[in-house]
Protein backbone atom coordinates (compact mmCIF):
# COMPACT_ATOMS: atom_id res chain seq x y z
CA MET A 1 -80.46 -106.08 -16.11
CA LYS A 2 -82.27 -103.41 -18.15
CA LYS A 3 -80.59 -100.66 -16.12
CA ILE A 4 -77.19 -102.26 -16.65
CA LEU A 5 -77.75 -102.55 -20.39
CA LYS A 6 -78.98 -98.97 -20.52
CA GLY A 7 -75.84 -97.81 -18.69
CA ILE A 8 -73.60 -99.77 -21.04
CA LEU A 9 -75.42 -98.29 -24.04
CA MET A 10 -74.92 -94.76 -22.72
CA VAL A 11 -71.21 -95.38 -22.15
CA ILE A 12 -70.91 -96.59 -25.74
CA CYS A 13 -73.02 -93.80 -27.23
CA ILE A 14 -71.32 -90.84 -25.53
CA PRO A 15 -67.97 -91.18 -27.34
CA ILE A 16 -69.74 -91.96 -30.63
CA VAL A 17 -71.86 -88.80 -30.36
CA TYR A 18 -68.75 -86.81 -29.41
CA VAL A 19 -66.79 -88.02 -32.44
CA VAL A 20 -69.71 -87.43 -34.83
CA LEU A 21 -70.29 -83.91 -33.48
CA ALA A 22 -66.56 -83.19 -33.65
CA LEU A 23 -66.31 -84.34 -37.26
CA ILE A 24 -69.33 -82.28 -38.31
CA CYS A 25 -67.94 -79.11 -36.70
CA THR A 26 -64.46 -79.82 -38.05
CA TYR A 27 -65.76 -79.78 -41.63
CA ILE A 28 -67.76 -76.55 -41.18
CA PRO A 29 -65.31 -73.78 -42.14
CA VAL A 30 -65.17 -70.30 -40.66
CA SER A 31 -64.16 -67.81 -43.32
CA GLU A 32 -61.34 -65.34 -42.94
CA ASN A 33 -62.35 -61.77 -42.19
CA THR A 34 -62.01 -59.55 -45.23
CA GLU A 35 -58.80 -57.60 -44.76
CA THR A 36 -57.35 -54.82 -46.89
CA GLU A 37 -53.97 -55.01 -45.16
CA THR A 38 -50.98 -56.69 -46.73
CA LYS A 39 -50.12 -60.10 -45.33
CA ASN A 40 -46.53 -59.40 -44.36
CA HIS A 41 -46.22 -61.57 -41.23
CA THR A 42 -45.52 -65.28 -40.99
CA LEU A 43 -46.91 -68.01 -38.76
CA TYR A 44 -46.21 -71.74 -38.92
CA LEU A 45 -48.24 -74.71 -37.78
CA ARG A 46 -46.72 -78.03 -36.87
CA THR A 47 -48.16 -81.27 -35.57
CA ASN A 48 -46.73 -84.37 -33.93
CA GLY A 49 -49.59 -86.32 -35.49
CA VAL A 50 -52.10 -85.36 -32.80
CA HIS A 51 -51.28 -81.94 -31.38
CA ILE A 52 -50.95 -78.55 -33.12
CA ASP A 53 -48.35 -75.93 -32.12
CA PHE A 54 -48.10 -72.33 -33.26
CA ILE A 55 -44.57 -71.41 -34.34
CA VAL A 56 -43.65 -67.72 -34.45
CA PRO A 57 -40.37 -66.20 -35.69
CA ILE A 58 -38.63 -64.54 -32.75
CA ASP A 59 -38.09 -61.33 -34.69
CA GLU A 60 -41.87 -61.03 -35.18
CA ILE A 61 -42.94 -61.70 -31.59
CA THR A 62 -44.59 -58.84 -29.74
CA PRO A 63 -42.96 -57.58 -26.51
CA THR A 64 -45.90 -58.80 -24.41
CA LEU A 65 -45.59 -62.38 -25.64
CA LEU A 66 -41.77 -62.34 -25.55
CA GLN A 67 -41.62 -61.10 -21.96
CA ASP A 68 -40.05 -63.64 -19.54
CA LEU A 69 -39.09 -66.07 -22.33
CA ASP A 70 -35.37 -66.85 -22.39
CA TYR A 71 -33.62 -67.49 -25.69
CA SER A 72 -30.17 -67.33 -27.26
CA ALA A 73 -28.83 -65.60 -30.36
CA ASP A 74 -29.03 -68.92 -32.22
CA ASP A 75 -32.74 -69.41 -31.60
CA GLN A 76 -34.96 -68.35 -34.49
CA TYR A 77 -38.47 -69.48 -33.51
CA PHE A 78 -40.71 -70.10 -30.54
CA ALA A 79 -43.28 -72.91 -30.62
CA PHE A 80 -46.36 -72.48 -28.42
CA GLY A 81 -48.76 -75.22 -27.43
CA TRP A 82 -51.47 -75.51 -24.78
CA GLY A 83 -52.72 -78.67 -23.15
CA ASP A 84 -53.56 -80.83 -20.16
CA LYS A 85 -51.05 -80.44 -17.30
CA LYS A 86 -50.95 -84.08 -16.22
CA PHE A 87 -50.74 -85.32 -19.80
CA TYR A 88 -47.91 -82.91 -20.64
CA LEU A 89 -45.81 -83.78 -17.60
CA GLU A 90 -46.36 -87.54 -17.63
CA THR A 91 -46.36 -88.23 -21.37
CA PRO A 92 -43.15 -86.91 -22.92
CA GLU A 93 -43.51 -89.53 -25.69
CA TRP A 94 -46.50 -91.46 -26.98
CA LYS A 95 -45.03 -94.69 -25.58
CA ASP A 96 -45.55 -93.14 -22.13
CA LEU A 97 -49.29 -92.71 -22.65
CA THR A 98 -51.43 -94.56 -20.11
CA LEU A 99 -55.13 -95.34 -20.31
CA GLY A 100 -55.70 -93.35 -17.12
CA ASN A 101 -54.10 -90.20 -18.52
CA ALA A 102 -56.00 -90.54 -21.80
CA LEU A 103 -59.38 -90.96 -20.09
CA THR A 104 -58.66 -88.16 -17.62
CA GLY A 105 -57.91 -85.75 -20.46
CA ILE A 106 -61.08 -86.69 -22.32
CA PHE A 107 -63.69 -86.92 -19.58
CA LEU A 108 -62.51 -84.67 -16.73
CA ILE A 109 -61.87 -80.96 -16.29
CA THR A 110 -58.15 -80.61 -15.58
CA PRO A 111 -55.49 -77.88 -15.12
CA SER A 112 -53.49 -76.77 -18.16
CA LEU A 113 -49.99 -75.70 -19.14
CA MET A 114 -48.31 -73.78 -21.91
CA HIS A 115 -45.47 -75.66 -23.62
CA VAL A 116 -42.84 -73.37 -25.13
CA SER A 117 -39.94 -74.60 -27.29
CA ARG A 118 -37.01 -72.66 -28.73
CA LEU A 119 -36.08 -73.72 -32.26
CA GLN A 120 -32.98 -72.91 -34.28
CA GLY A 121 -34.18 -74.07 -37.69
CA MET A 122 -37.29 -74.71 -39.72
CA GLY A 123 -38.92 -78.13 -39.77
CA ASN A 124 -39.74 -79.94 -43.00
CA ASN A 125 -43.37 -80.51 -42.08
CA TRP A 126 -44.28 -76.99 -40.97
CA VAL A 127 -47.25 -75.32 -42.64
CA CYS A 128 -46.66 -71.65 -43.49
CA ILE A 129 -49.43 -69.07 -43.06
CA LYS A 130 -49.24 -65.41 -44.02
CA LEU A 131 -50.97 -62.91 -41.74
CA THR A 132 -51.83 -59.24 -41.73
CA SER A 133 -50.50 -57.04 -38.94
CA THR A 134 -53.93 -57.03 -37.30
CA GLN A 135 -54.24 -60.80 -37.41
CA ASN A 136 -50.69 -61.22 -36.11
CA GLU A 137 -51.27 -58.88 -33.17
CA LYS A 138 -54.59 -60.55 -32.25
CA LEU A 139 -53.15 -64.05 -32.40
CA GLN A 140 -50.10 -63.18 -30.32
CA ALA A 141 -52.32 -61.38 -27.80
CA TYR A 142 -54.43 -64.56 -27.61
CA ILE A 143 -51.33 -66.69 -26.96
CA ALA A 144 -49.98 -64.22 -24.40
CA ALA A 145 -53.30 -64.12 -22.55
CA THR A 146 -53.17 -67.90 -22.10
CA PHE A 147 -50.11 -67.63 -19.84
CA LYS A 148 -51.01 -67.37 -16.17
CA LEU A 149 -49.24 -64.45 -14.50
CA ASN A 150 -48.08 -64.12 -10.89
CA GLY A 151 -48.58 -61.11 -8.65
CA ASP A 152 -45.74 -59.30 -10.41
CA ASN A 153 -47.33 -59.91 -13.85
CA ARG A 154 -44.62 -62.39 -14.79
CA LYS A 155 -45.11 -65.69 -16.56
CA VAL A 156 -44.90 -68.63 -14.15
CA ILE A 157 -42.37 -71.23 -15.30
CA LEU A 158 -42.25 -74.78 -13.91
CA PRO A 159 -38.57 -75.31 -12.97
CA ASP A 160 -36.85 -78.35 -14.47
CA GLU A 161 -39.99 -79.71 -16.13
CA GLY A 162 -39.07 -79.47 -19.82
CA TYR A 163 -38.50 -82.53 -22.00
CA HIS A 164 -35.20 -81.16 -23.35
CA ASN A 165 -32.81 -78.27 -22.78
CA TYR A 166 -34.69 -76.12 -25.30
CA ASP A 167 -38.24 -76.24 -23.97
CA ALA A 168 -40.16 -75.32 -20.82
CA PHE A 169 -43.62 -75.45 -19.27
CA TYR A 170 -45.52 -72.47 -17.90
CA GLU A 171 -48.71 -72.26 -15.84
CA ALA A 172 -51.67 -71.49 -18.07
CA ASN A 173 -55.16 -70.07 -17.86
CA GLY A 174 -58.15 -72.22 -18.68
CA SER A 175 -59.04 -75.84 -17.98
CA PHE A 176 -58.61 -78.75 -20.37
CA THR A 177 -61.79 -80.67 -21.24
CA GLY A 178 -63.05 -82.87 -24.03
CA PHE A 179 -64.52 -79.74 -25.59
CA LYS A 180 -61.50 -77.50 -25.01
CA THR A 181 -58.51 -79.49 -26.20
CA CYS A 182 -55.04 -78.48 -27.35
CA ASN A 183 -56.29 -78.29 -30.93
CA SER A 184 -59.51 -76.45 -30.16
CA TRP A 185 -57.33 -73.89 -28.31
CA ALA A 186 -55.31 -73.39 -31.51
CA ASN A 187 -58.45 -73.29 -33.64
CA THR A 188 -60.04 -70.68 -31.37
CA GLY A 189 -56.93 -68.53 -31.65
CA LEU A 190 -57.12 -68.59 -35.44
CA ARG A 191 -60.84 -67.88 -35.47
CA GLU A 192 -60.67 -65.01 -32.95
CA SER A 193 -57.79 -63.48 -34.93
CA GLY A 194 -59.99 -63.24 -38.02
CA MET A 195 -58.32 -66.13 -39.82
CA LYS A 196 -59.71 -69.24 -41.45
CA ALA A 197 -60.64 -71.94 -38.96
CA CYS A 198 -63.03 -74.77 -38.20
CA LEU A 199 -66.30 -74.05 -36.42
CA TRP A 200 -64.87 -76.22 -33.63
CA THR A 201 -62.47 -79.13 -33.64
CA PRO A 202 -60.58 -81.29 -31.15
CA PHE A 203 -58.46 -82.64 -34.01
CA ASP A 204 -55.30 -81.37 -35.71
CA PHE A 205 -56.22 -82.53 -39.22
CA GLY A 206 -59.13 -80.09 -39.55
CA ILE A 207 -56.86 -77.10 -39.06
CA LEU A 208 -54.16 -78.49 -41.33
CA MET A 209 -56.72 -79.28 -44.02
CA ILE A 210 -57.67 -75.61 -44.20
CA TYR A 211 -54.12 -74.35 -44.65
CA GLN A 212 -52.43 -77.06 -46.71
């Protein structure tokens, strides 16, 4: 009985410790690197309430990141997100979320995908960030490096796996874990580009709090 109770206590404590640690790290800010360059580039953040995407104007995307991405003359932006492969493919809407997919994403190490959407107009809830040329190049290099490439150095698209006719999924580098989530991927990109970020966060609100 003592062993059973001890096991139950551990199961209860692990998520509590995780949430407490996540909240502490979320509220520890990482300062922006001091830059003398002019901030003449634009980046947007958007969230669906849980998940952060980077949104980049097409006319500001570097050739490396733009390579292999199809778009039309009417498209103005690309949205980039990274996340758990199974979750992405099996949960197009929150009503499709199952307990199994949620627990798998939190507790297991799973393959990942890049989700890329083409957008023709600006959303009302986007958060605008101004970047220097150096920050812009570093962030886009970070996003580009997340795409898994085939033997011909081309991005690997998953045919017919998008939610709509304006988005697509691509194979990605890195595994999804409770400590490397979609939002921690975005936060790491900001931090490694010399921009303001959280020390670490699995949440979207920490990143938005810094820039709103």
